[in-house]
Amino acid sequence: SVDEIADCNFYIVTVPTPIGDGNRPLLTPLRAASNTLSGVLK
């Protein structure tokens, strides 16, 4: 639950960063994590 990390003040993101078509960086997990944190950032 994202709500349960809302009180934290030091976040560490450790999501995978795979590659997609054409061996190009696939930043979808990084995007999702950043969007999630943006909702609780203070």
PDB file of all heavy atoms in Angstrom:
ATOM      1  N   SER A   1       0.837  -1.200   0.000  1.00  0.00           N
ATOM      2  CA  SER A   1       0.000   0.000   0.000  1.00  0.00           C
ATOM      3  C   SER A   1       0.874   1.252   0.000  1.00  0.00           C
ATOM      4  O   SER A   1       1.703   1.439   0.897  1.00  0.00           O
ATOM      5  CB  SER A   1      -0.913   0.007   1.228  1.00  0.00           C
ATOM      6  OG  SER A   1      -1.574   1.253   1.363  1.00  0.00           O
ATOM      7  N   VAL A   2       0.669   2.094  -0.989  1.00  0.00           N
ATOM      8  CA  VAL A   2       1.440   3.328  -1.089  1.00  0.00           C
ATOM      9  C   VAL A   2       1.207   4.223   0.118  1.00  0.00           C
ATOM     10  O   VAL A   2       2.119   4.913   0.591  1.00  0.00           O
ATOM     11  CB  VAL A   2       1.078   4.074  -2.387  1.00  0.00           C
ATOM     12  CG1 VAL A   2       1.802   5.408  -2.461  1.00  0.00           C
ATOM     13  CG2 VAL A   2       1.385   3.222  -3.608  1.00  0.00           C
ATOM     14  N   ASP A   3      -0.002   4.224   0.635  1.00  0.00           N
ATOM     15  CA  ASP A   3      -0.329   5.090   1.769  1.00  0.00           C
ATOM     16  C   ASP A   3       0.577   4.834   2.965  1.00  0.00           C
ATOM     17  O   ASP A   3       0.857   5.747   3.745  1.00  0.00           O
ATOM     18  CB  ASP A   3      -1.790   4.896   2.181  1.00  0.00           C
ATOM     19  CG  ASP A   3      -2.778   5.373   1.127  1.00  0.00           C
ATOM     20  OD1 ASP A   3      -2.368   6.201   0.274  1.00  0.00           O
ATOM     21  OD2 ASP A   3      -3.944   4.924   1.142  1.00  0.00           O
ATOM     22  N   GLU A   4       1.057   3.594   3.109  1.00  0.00           N
ATOM     23  CA  GLU A   4       1.852   3.241   4.281  1.00  0.00           C
ATOM     24  C   GLU A   4       3.291   3.733   4.209  1.00  0.00           C
ATOM     25  O   GLU A   4       4.012   3.650   5.204  1.00  0.00           O
ATOM     26  CB  GLU A   4       1.806   1.732   4.511  1.00  0.00           C
ATOM     27  CG  GLU A   4       0.417   1.223   4.901  1.00  0.00           C
ATOM     28  CD  GLU A   4       0.419  -0.223   5.326  1.00  0.00           C
ATOM     29  OE1 GLU A   4       1.465  -0.701   5.830  1.00  0.00           O
ATOM     30  OE2 GLU A   4      -0.622  -0.899   5.158  1.00  0.00           O
ATOM     31  N   ILE A   5       3.711   4.222   3.053  1.00  0.00           N
ATOM     32  CA  ILE A   5       5.054   4.790   2.964  1.00  0.00           C
ATOM     33  C   ILE A   5       5.024   6.315   2.909  1.00  0.00           C
ATOM     34  O   ILE A   5       6.063   6.961   2.756  1.00  0.00           O
ATOM     35  CB  ILE A   5       5.827   4.237   1.745  1.00  0.00           C
ATOM     36  CG1 ILE A   5       5.151   4.635   0.427  1.00  0.00           C
ATOM     37  CG2 ILE A   5       5.976   2.720   1.843  1.00  0.00           C
ATOM     38  CD1 ILE A   5       5.990   4.294  -0.809  1.00  0.00           C
ATOM     39  N   ALA A   6       3.822   6.891   3.052  1.00  0.00           N
ATOM     40  CA  ALA A   6       3.663   8.342   2.926  1.00  0.00           C
ATOM     41  C   ALA A   6       4.393   9.107   4.018  1.00  0.00           C
ATOM     42  O   ALA A   6       4.749  10.277   3.830  1.00  0.00           O
ATOM     43  CB  ALA A   6       2.176   8.708   2.932  1.00  0.00           C
ATOM     44  N   ASP A   7       4.630   8.459   5.158  1.00  0.00           N
ATOM     45  CA  ASP A   7       5.287   9.136   6.273  1.00  0.00           C
ATOM     46  C   ASP A   7       6.804   9.063   6.203  1.00  0.00           C
ATOM     47  O   ASP A   7       7.491   9.667   7.016  1.00  0.00           O
ATOM     48  CB  ASP A   7       4.804   8.537   7.603  1.00  0.00           C
ATOM     49  CG  ASP A   7       5.231   9.375   8.803  1.00  0.00           C
ATOM     50  OD1 ASP A   7       5.030  10.616   8.749  1.00  0.00           O
ATOM     51  OD2 ASP A   7       5.748   8.801   9.786  1.00  0.00           O
ATOM     52  N   CYS A   8       7.344   8.341   5.235  1.00  0.00           N
ATOM     53  CA  CYS A   8       8.794   8.247   5.092  1.00  0.00           C
ATOM     54  C   CYS A   8       9.360   9.573   4.585  1.00  0.00           C
ATOM     55  O   CYS A   8       8.653  10.372   3.961  1.00  0.00           O
ATOM     56  CB  CYS A   8       9.165   7.125   4.124  1.00  0.00           C
ATOM     57  SG  CYS A   8       8.672   5.469   4.673  1.00  0.00           S
ATOM     58  N   ASN A   9      10.641   9.793   4.850  1.00  0.00           N
ATOM     59  CA  ASN A   9      11.295  11.014   4.361  1.00  0.00           C
ATOM     60  C   ASN A   9      12.560  10.734   3.557  1.00  0.00           C
ATOM     61  O   ASN A   9      13.227  11.657   3.101  1.00  0.00           O
ATOM     62  CB  ASN A   9      11.599  11.973   5.514  1.00  0.00           C
ATOM     63  CG  ASN A   9      12.377  11.326   6.658  1.00  0.00           C
ATOM     64  OD1 ASN A   9      13.109  10.348   6.456  1.00  0.00           O
ATOM     65  ND2 ASN A   9      12.204  11.869   7.863  1.00  0.00           N
ATOM     66  N   PHE A  10      12.890   9.463   3.397  1.00  0.00           N
ATOM     67  CA  PHE A  10      14.073   9.066   2.629  1.00  0.00           C
ATOM     68  C   PHE A  10      13.697   7.826   1.814  1.00  0.00           C
ATOM     69  O   PHE A  10      13.557   6.731   2.353  1.00  0.00           O
ATOM     70  CB  PHE A  10      15.239   8.762   3.576  1.00  0.00           C
ATOM     71  CG  PHE A  10      16.576   8.605   2.892  1.00  0.00           C
ATOM     72  CD1 PHE A  10      17.411   9.705   2.731  1.00  0.00           C
ATOM     73  CD2 PHE A  10      17.008   7.366   2.434  1.00  0.00           C
ATOM     74  CE1 PHE A  10      18.658   9.576   2.121  1.00  0.00           C
ATOM     75  CE2 PHE A  10      18.234   7.225   1.824  1.00  0.00           C
ATOM     76  CZ  PHE A  10      19.068   8.331   1.666  1.00  0.00           C
ATOM     77  N   TYR A  11      13.475   8.025   0.524  1.00  0.00           N
ATOM     78  CA  TYR A  11      13.009   6.947  -0.343  1.00  0.00           C
ATOM     79  C   TYR A  11      14.159   6.421  -1.205  1.00  0.00           C
ATOM     80  O   TYR A  11      14.973   7.196  -1.713  1.00  0.00           O
ATOM     81  CB  TYR A  11      11.879   7.433  -1.249  1.00  0.00           C
ATOM     82  CG  TYR A  11      10.641   7.876  -0.505  1.00  0.00           C
ATOM     83  CD1 TYR A  11      10.416   9.223  -0.225  1.00  0.00           C
ATOM     84  CD2 TYR A  11       9.696   6.949  -0.080  1.00  0.00           C
ATOM     85  CE1 TYR A  11       9.280   9.639   0.453  1.00  0.00           C
ATOM     86  CE2 TYR A  11       8.549   7.350   0.600  1.00  0.00           C
ATOM     87  CZ  TYR A  11       8.354   8.687   0.864  1.00  0.00           C
ATOM     88  OH  TYR A  11       7.214   9.081   1.542  1.00  0.00           O
ATOM     89  N   ILE A  12      14.193   5.109  -1.361  1.00  0.00           N
ATOM     90  CA  ILE A  12      15.194   4.478  -2.220  1.00  0.00           C
ATOM     91  C   ILE A  12      14.473   3.621  -3.259  1.00  0.00           C
ATOM     92  O   ILE A  12      13.690   2.735  -2.912  1.00  0.00           O
ATOM     93  CB  ILE A  12      16.176   3.605  -1.411  1.00  0.00           C
ATOM     94  CG1 ILE A  12      16.854   4.444  -0.317  1.00  0.00           C
ATOM     95  CG2 ILE A  12      17.223   2.995  -2.332  1.00  0.00           C
ATOM     96  CD1 ILE A  12      17.760   3.638   0.599  1.00  0.00           C
ATOM     97  N   VAL A  13      14.745   3.890  -4.527  1.00  0.00           N
ATOM     98  CA  VAL A  13      14.081   3.199  -5.632  1.00  0.00           C
ATOM     99  C   VAL A  13      15.008   2.112  -6.172  1.00  0.00           C
ATOM    100  O   VAL A  13      16.133   2.394  -6.602  1.00  0.00           O
ATOM    101  CB  VAL A  13      13.707   4.178  -6.755  1.00  0.00           C
ATOM    102  CG1 VAL A  13      13.057   3.431  -7.923  1.00  0.00           C
ATOM    103  CG2 VAL A  13      12.767   5.259  -6.223  1.00  0.00           C
ATOM    104  N   THR A  14      14.514   0.861  -6.176  1.00  0.00           N
ATOM    105  CA  THR A  14      15.346  -0.261  -6.613  1.00  0.00           C
ATOM    106  C   THR A  14      14.635  -1.119  -7.658  1.00  0.00           C
ATOM    107  O   THR A  14      14.795  -2.328  -7.703  1.00  0.00           O
ATOM    108  CB  THR A  14      15.740  -1.155  -5.418  1.00  0.00           C
ATOM    109  OG1 THR A  14      14.549  -1.743  -4.853  1.00  0.00           O
ATOM    110  CG2 THR A  14      16.445  -0.345  -4.345  1.00  0.00           C
ATOM    111  N   VAL A  15      13.830  -0.483  -8.494  1.00  0.00           N
ATOM    112  CA  VAL A  15      13.076  -1.229  -9.500  1.00  0.00           C
ATOM    113  C   VAL A  15      13.985  -1.621 -10.660  1.00  0.00           C
ATOM    114  O   VAL A  15      15.028  -1.005 -10.884  1.00  0.00           O
ATOM    115  CB  VAL A  15      11.884  -0.399 -10.027  1.00  0.00           C
ATOM    116  CG1 VAL A  15      10.910  -0.108  -8.896  1.00  0.00           C
ATOM    117  CG2 VAL A  15      12.365   0.890 -10.686  1.00  0.00           C
ATOM    118  N   PRO A  16      13.620  -2.659 -11.426  1.00  0.00           N
ATOM    119  CA  PRO A  16      14.455  -3.078 -12.558  1.00  0.00           C
ATOM    120  C   PRO A  16      14.441  -2.077 -13.694  1.00  0.00           C
ATOM    121  O   PRO A  16      13.480  -1.320 -13.863  1.00  0.00           O
ATOM    122  CB  PRO A  16      13.813  -4.410 -12.985  1.00  0.00           C
ATOM    123  CG  PRO A  16      12.389  -4.321 -12.516  1.00  0.00           C
ATOM    124  CD  PRO A  16      12.442  -3.530 -11.232  1.00  0.00           C
ATOM    125  N   THR A  17      15.497  -2.087 -14.488  1.00  0.00           N
ATOM    126  CA  THR A  17      15.578  -1.259 -15.691  1.00  0.00           C
ATOM    127  C   THR A  17      15.964  -2.155 -16.867  1.00  0.00           C
ATOM    128  O   THR A  17      17.141  -2.257 -17.226  1.00  0.00           O
ATOM    129  CB  THR A  17      16.601  -0.114 -15.521  1.00  0.00           C
ATOM    130  OG1 THR A  17      17.803  -0.631 -14.903  1.00  0.00           O
ATOM    131  CG2 THR A  17      16.030   0.990 -14.665  1.00  0.00           C
ATOM    132  N   PRO A  18      14.998  -2.814 -17.463  1.00  0.00           N
ATOM    133  CA  PRO A  18      15.260  -3.746 -18.575  1.00  0.00           C
ATOM    134  C   PRO A  18      15.444  -3.011 -19.899  1.00  0.00           C
ATOM    135  O   PRO A  18      15.476  -1.776 -19.952  1.00  0.00           O
ATOM    136  CB  PRO A  18      14.002  -4.612 -18.583  1.00  0.00           C
ATOM    137  CG  PRO A  18      12.926  -3.688 -18.075  1.00  0.00           C
ATOM    138  CD  PRO A  18      13.591  -2.774 -17.085  1.00  0.00           C
ATOM    139  N   ILE A  19      15.568  -3.769 -20.960  1.00  0.00           N
ATOM    140  CA  ILE A  19      15.596  -3.212 -22.315  1.00  0.00           C
ATOM    141  C   ILE A  19      14.389  -3.735 -23.082  1.00  0.00           C
ATOM    142  O   ILE A  19      13.860  -4.810 -22.802  1.00  0.00           O
ATOM    143  CB  ILE A  19      16.893  -3.558 -23.070  1.00  0.00           C
ATOM    144  CG1 ILE A  19      17.155  -5.071 -23.057  1.00  0.00           C
ATOM    145  CG2 ILE A  19      18.065  -2.784 -22.493  1.00  0.00           C
ATOM    146  CD1 ILE A  19      18.345  -5.494 -23.891  1.00  0.00           C
ATOM    147  N   GLY A  20      13.947  -2.962 -24.069  1.00  0.00           N
ATOM    148  CA  GLY A  20      12.801  -3.335 -24.880  1.00  0.00           C
ATOM    149  C   GLY A  20      13.182  -3.604 -26.316  1.00  0.00           C
ATOM    150  O   GLY A  20      14.317  -4.013 -26.616  1.00  0.00           O
ATOM    151  N   ASP A  21      12.271  -3.343 -27.217  1.00  0.00           N
ATOM    152  CA  ASP A  21      12.511  -3.557 -28.645  1.00  0.00           C
ATOM    153  C   ASP A  21      13.709  -2.737 -29.124  1.00  0.00           C
ATOM    154  O   ASP A  21      13.887  -1.583 -28.745  1.00  0.00           O
ATOM    155  CB  ASP A  21      11.272  -3.181 -29.456  1.00  0.00           C
ATOM    156  CG  ASP A  21      10.079  -4.084 -29.145  1.00  0.00           C
ATOM    157  OD1 ASP A  21      10.303  -5.204 -28.633  1.00  0.00           O
ATOM    158  OD2 ASP A  21       8.932  -3.656 -29.400  1.00  0.00           O
ATOM    159  N   GLY A  22      14.508  -3.370 -29.972  1.00  0.00           N
ATOM    160  CA  GLY A  22      15.674  -2.683 -30.492  1.00  0.00           C
ATOM    161  C   GLY A  22      16.753  -2.432 -29.464  1.00  0.00           C
ATOM    162  O   GLY A  22      17.626  -1.583 -29.656  1.00  0.00           O
ATOM    163  N   ASN A  23      16.693  -3.165 -28.355  1.00  0.00           N
ATOM    164  CA  ASN A  23      17.674  -3.015 -27.267  1.00  0.00           C
ATOM    165  C   ASN A  23      17.727  -1.593 -26.728  1.00  0.00           C
ATOM    166  O   ASN A  23      18.788  -1.103 -26.326  1.00  0.00           O
ATOM    167  CB  ASN A  23      19.071  -3.464 -27.729  1.00  0.00           C
ATOM    168  CG  ASN A  23      19.141  -4.946 -28.027  1.00  0.00           C
ATOM    169  OD1 ASN A  23      18.559  -5.752 -27.310  1.00  0.00           O
ATOM    170  ND2 ASN A  23      19.824  -5.304 -29.108  1.00  0.00           N
ATOM    171  N   ARG A  24      16.583  -0.950 -26.691  1.00  0.00           N
ATOM    172  CA  ARG A  24      16.490   0.395 -26.144  1.00  0.00           C
ATOM    173  C   ARG A  24      16.031   0.330 -24.691  1.00  0.00           C
ATOM    174  O   ARG A  24      15.271  -0.554 -24.311  1.00  0.00           O
ATOM    175  CB  ARG A  24      15.516   1.239 -26.960  1.00  0.00           C
ATOM    176  CG  ARG A  24      15.967   1.461 -28.409  1.00  0.00           C
ATOM    177  CD  ARG A  24      14.897   2.165 -29.211  1.00  0.00           C
ATOM    178  NE  ARG A  24      14.673   3.535 -28.763  1.00  0.00           N
ATOM    179  CZ  ARG A  24      15.382   4.574 -29.120  1.00  0.00           C
ATOM    180  NH1 ARG A  24      16.388   4.412 -29.959  1.00  0.00           N
ATOM    181  NH2 ARG A  24      15.114   5.793 -28.670  1.00  0.00           N
ATOM    182  N   PRO A  25      16.518   1.250 -23.859  1.00  0.00           N
ATOM    183  CA  PRO A  25      16.110   1.254 -22.449  1.00  0.00           C
ATOM    184  C   PRO A  25      14.602   1.266 -22.286  1.00  0.00           C
ATOM    185  O   PRO A  25      13.899   2.032 -22.959  1.00  0.00           O
ATOM    186  CB  PRO A  25      16.729   2.548 -21.914  1.00  0.00           C
ATOM    187  CG  PRO A  25      17.911   2.803 -22.792  1.00  0.00           C
ATOM    188  CD  PRO A  25      17.501   2.319 -24.153  1.00  0.00           C
ATOM    189  N   LEU A  26      14.117   0.405 -21.399  1.00  0.00           N
ATOM    190  CA  LEU A  26      12.697   0.341 -21.087  1.00  0.00           C
ATOM    191  C   LEU A  26      12.516   0.905 -19.684  1.00  0.00           C
ATOM    192  O   LEU A  26      12.738   0.226 -18.688  1.00  0.00           O
ATOM    193  CB  LEU A  26      12.197  -1.109 -21.174  1.00  0.00           C
ATOM    194  CG  LEU A  26      10.694  -1.339 -21.049  1.00  0.00           C
ATOM    195  CD1 LEU A  26       9.951  -0.631 -22.173  1.00  0.00           C
ATOM    196  CD2 LEU A  26      10.387  -2.830 -21.063  1.00  0.00           C
ATOM    197  N   LEU A  27      12.087   2.138 -19.608  1.00  0.00           N
ATOM    198  CA  LEU A  27      12.031   2.860 -18.342  1.00  0.00           C
ATOM    199  C   LEU A  27      10.659   2.807 -17.680  1.00  0.00           C
ATOM    200  O   LEU A  27      10.396   3.567 -16.743  1.00  0.00           O
ATOM    201  CB  LEU A  27      12.455   4.319 -18.562  1.00  0.00           C
ATOM    202  CG  LEU A  27      13.881   4.516 -19.103  1.00  0.00           C
ATOM    203  CD1 LEU A  27      14.159   6.000 -19.336  1.00  0.00           C
ATOM    204  CD2 LEU A  27      14.914   3.935 -18.154  1.00  0.00           C
ATOM    205  N   THR A  28       9.801   1.904 -18.130  1.00  0.00           N
ATOM    206  CA  THR A  28       8.447   1.807 -17.577  1.00  0.00           C
ATOM    207  C   THR A  28       8.436   1.593 -16.068  1.00  0.00           C
ATOM    208  O   THR A  28       7.695   2.281 -15.351  1.00  0.00           O
ATOM    209  CB  THR A  28       7.669   0.687 -18.282  1.00  0.00           C
ATOM    210  OG1 THR A  28       7.696   0.911 -19.704  1.00  0.00           O
ATOM    211  CG2 THR A  28       6.217   0.659 -17.808  1.00  0.00           C
ATOM    212  N   PRO A  29       9.230   0.646 -15.511  1.00  0.00           N
ATOM    213  CA  PRO A  29       9.240   0.488 -14.051  1.00  0.00           C
ATOM    214  C   PRO A  29       9.722   1.745 -13.322  1.00  0.00           C
ATOM    215  O   PRO A  29       9.200   2.084 -12.253  1.00  0.00           O
ATOM    216  CB  PRO A  29      10.199  -0.688 -13.821  1.00  0.00           C
ATOM    217  CG  PRO A  29      10.214  -1.436 -15.112  1.00  0.00           C
ATOM    218  CD  PRO A  29      10.075  -0.389 -16.170  1.00  0.00           C
ATOM    219  N   LEU A  30      10.717   2.415 -13.902  1.00  0.00           N
ATOM    220  CA  LEU A  30      11.234   3.628 -13.287  1.00  0.00           C
ATOM    221  C   LEU A  30      10.188   4.742 -13.326  1.00  0.00           C
ATOM    222  O   LEU A  30      10.041   5.503 -12.365  1.00  0.00           O
ATOM    223  CB  LEU A  30      12.507   4.065 -14.013  1.00  0.00           C
ATOM    224  CG  LEU A  30      13.534   4.886 -13.242  1.00  0.00           C
ATOM    225  CD1 LEU A  30      13.981   4.170 -11.987  1.00  0.00           C
ATOM    226  CD2 LEU A  30      14.733   5.188 -14.135  1.00  0.00           C
ATOM    227  N   ARG A  31       9.459   4.821 -14.436  1.00  0.00           N
ATOM    228  CA  ARG A  31       8.384   5.803 -14.547  1.00  0.00           C
ATOM    229  C   ARG A  31       7.301   5.537 -13.501  1.00  0.00           C
ATOM    230  O   ARG A  31       6.845   6.456 -12.827  1.00  0.00           O
ATOM    231  CB  ARG A  31       7.775   5.759 -15.948  1.00  0.00           C
ATOM    232  CG  ARG A  31       6.599   6.728 -16.160  1.00  0.00           C
ATOM    233  CD  ARG A  31       5.936   6.522 -17.513  1.00  0.00           C
ATOM    234  NE  ARG A  31       6.828   6.761 -18.613  1.00  0.00           N
ATOM    235  CZ  ARG A  31       7.084   7.954 -19.119  1.00  0.00           C
ATOM    236  NH1 ARG A  31       6.488   9.041 -18.610  1.00  0.00           N
ATOM    237  NH2 ARG A  31       7.919   8.087 -20.150  1.00  0.00           N
ATOM    238  N   ALA A  32       6.898   4.271 -13.383  1.00  0.00           N
ATOM    239  CA  ALA A  32       5.842   3.908 -12.435  1.00  0.00           C
ATOM    240  C   ALA A  32       6.256   4.220 -11.005  1.00  0.00           C
ATOM    241  O   ALA A  32       5.460   4.752 -10.217  1.00  0.00           O
ATOM    242  CB  ALA A  32       5.499   2.426 -12.582  1.00  0.00           C
ATOM    243  N   ALA A  33       7.490   3.897 -10.652  1.00  0.00           N
ATOM    244  CA  ALA A  33       7.979   4.165  -9.299  1.00  0.00           C
ATOM    245  C   ALA A  33       8.027   5.658  -9.009  1.00  0.00           C
ATOM    246  O   ALA A  33       7.643   6.112  -7.926  1.00  0.00           O
ATOM    247  CB  ALA A  33       9.354   3.543  -9.105  1.00  0.00           C
ATOM    248  N   SER A  34       8.498   6.434  -9.980  1.00  0.00           N
ATOM    249  CA  SER A  34       8.583   7.889  -9.797  1.00  0.00           C
ATOM    250  C   SER A  34       7.199   8.505  -9.671  1.00  0.00           C
ATOM    251  O   SER A  34       6.968   9.392  -8.834  1.00  0.00           O
ATOM    252  CB  SER A  34       9.350   8.520 -10.964  1.00  0.00           C
ATOM    253  OG  SER A  34      10.675   8.034 -11.040  1.00  0.00           O
ATOM    254  N   ASN A  35       6.263   8.040 -10.505  1.00  0.00           N
ATOM    255  CA  ASN A  35       4.887   8.538 -10.404  1.00  0.00           C
ATOM    256  C   ASN A  35       4.266   8.180  -9.058  1.00  0.00           C
ATOM    257  O   ASN A  35       3.539   8.986  -8.456  1.00  0.00           O
ATOM    258  CB  ASN A  35       4.041   7.975 -11.540  1.00  0.00           C
ATOM    259  CG  ASN A  35       4.333   8.639 -12.879  1.00  0.00           C
ATOM    260  OD1 ASN A  35       4.808   9.773 -12.938  1.00  0.00           O
ATOM    261  ND2 ASN A  35       4.049   7.929 -13.959  1.00  0.00           N
ATOM    262  N   THR A  36       4.538   6.975  -8.585  1.00  0.00           N
ATOM    263  CA  THR A  36       4.016   6.557  -7.286  1.00  0.00           C
ATOM    264  C   THR A  36       4.552   7.448  -6.167  1.00  0.00           C
ATOM    265  O   THR A  36       3.796   7.923  -5.315  1.00  0.00           O
ATOM    266  CB  THR A  36       4.393   5.092  -7.001  1.00  0.00           C
ATOM    267  OG1 THR A  36       3.739   4.250  -7.957  1.00  0.00           O
ATOM    268  CG2 THR A  36       3.967   4.673  -5.603  1.00  0.00           C
ATOM    269  N   LEU A  37       5.853   7.689  -6.186  1.00  0.00           N
ATOM    270  CA  LEU A  37       6.455   8.520  -5.141  1.00  0.00           C
ATOM    271  C   LEU A  37       6.005   9.970  -5.215  1.00  0.00           C
ATOM    272  O   LEU A  37       5.915  10.648  -4.192  1.00  0.00           O
ATOM    273  CB  LEU A  37       7.980   8.439  -5.228  1.00  0.00           C
ATOM    274  CG  LEU A  37       8.612   7.139  -4.730  1.00  0.00           C
ATOM    275  CD1 LEU A  37      10.125   7.188  -4.879  1.00  0.00           C
ATOM    276  CD2 LEU A  37       8.234   6.882  -3.279  1.00  0.00           C
ATOM    277  N   SER A  38       5.714  10.438  -6.408  1.00  0.00           N
ATOM    278  CA  SER A  38       5.282  11.828  -6.550  1.00  0.00           C
ATOM    279  C   SER A  38       3.996  12.100  -5.782  1.00  0.00           C
ATOM    280  O   SER A  38       3.734  13.234  -5.370  1.00  0.00           O
ATOM    281  CB  SER A  38       5.097  12.190  -8.025  1.00  0.00           C
ATOM    282  OG  SER A  38       3.932  11.576  -8.568  1.00  0.00           O
ATOM    283  N   GLY A  39       3.202  11.058  -5.573  1.00  0.00           N
ATOM    284  CA  GLY A  39       1.944  11.214  -4.851  1.00  0.00           C
ATOM    285  C   GLY A  39       2.097  11.322  -3.346  1.00  0.00           C
ATOM    286  O   GLY A  39       1.155  11.716  -2.654  1.00  0.00           O
ATOM    287  N   VAL A  40       3.271  10.940  -2.830  1.00  0.00           N
ATOM    288  CA  VAL A  40       3.493  10.999  -1.380  1.00  0.00           C
ATOM    289  C   VAL A  40       4.644  11.935  -1.013  1.00  0.00           C
ATOM    290  O   VAL A  40       4.946  12.121   0.165  1.00  0.00           O
ATOM    291  CB  VAL A  40       3.778   9.594  -0.802  1.00  0.00           C
ATOM    292  CG1 VAL A  40       2.576   8.688  -0.996  1.00  0.00           C
ATOM    293  CG2 VAL A  40       5.022   8.964  -1.431  1.00  0.00           C
ATOM    294  N   LEU A  41       5.284  12.537  -2.024  1.00  0.00           N
ATOM    295  CA  LEU A  41       6.453  13.373  -1.793  1.00  0.00           C
ATOM    296  C   LEU A  41       6.092  14.629  -1.016  1.00  0.00           C
ATOM    297  O   LEU A  41       5.089  15.287  -1.299  1.00  0.00           O
ATOM    298  CB  LEU A  41       7.090  13.740  -3.134  1.00  0.00           C
ATOM    299  CG  LEU A  41       8.578  14.102  -3.150  1.00  0.00           C
ATOM    300  CD1 LEU A  41       9.430  12.949  -2.625  1.00  0.00           C
ATOM    301  CD2 LEU A  41       9.003  14.466  -4.572  1.00  0.00           C
ATOM    302  N   LYS A  42       6.928  14.981  -0.033  1.00  0.00           N
ATOM    303  CA  LYS A  42       6.704  16.146   0.814  1.00  0.00           C
ATOM    304  C   LYS A  42       7.941  17.029   0.805  1.00  0.00           C
ATOM    305  O   LYS A  42       9.026  16.604   0.375  1.00  0.00           O
ATOM    306  CB  LYS A  42       6.408  15.692   2.249  1.00  0.00           C
ATOM    307  CG  LYS A  42       5.305  14.666   2.383  1.00  0.00           C
ATOM    308  CD  LYS A  42       5.151  14.122   3.771  1.00  0.00           C
ATOM    309  CE  LYS A  42       6.415  13.436   4.264  1.00  0.00           C
ATOM    310  NZ  LYS A  42       6.773  12.213   3.467  1.00  0.00           N
TER     311      LYS A  42
END
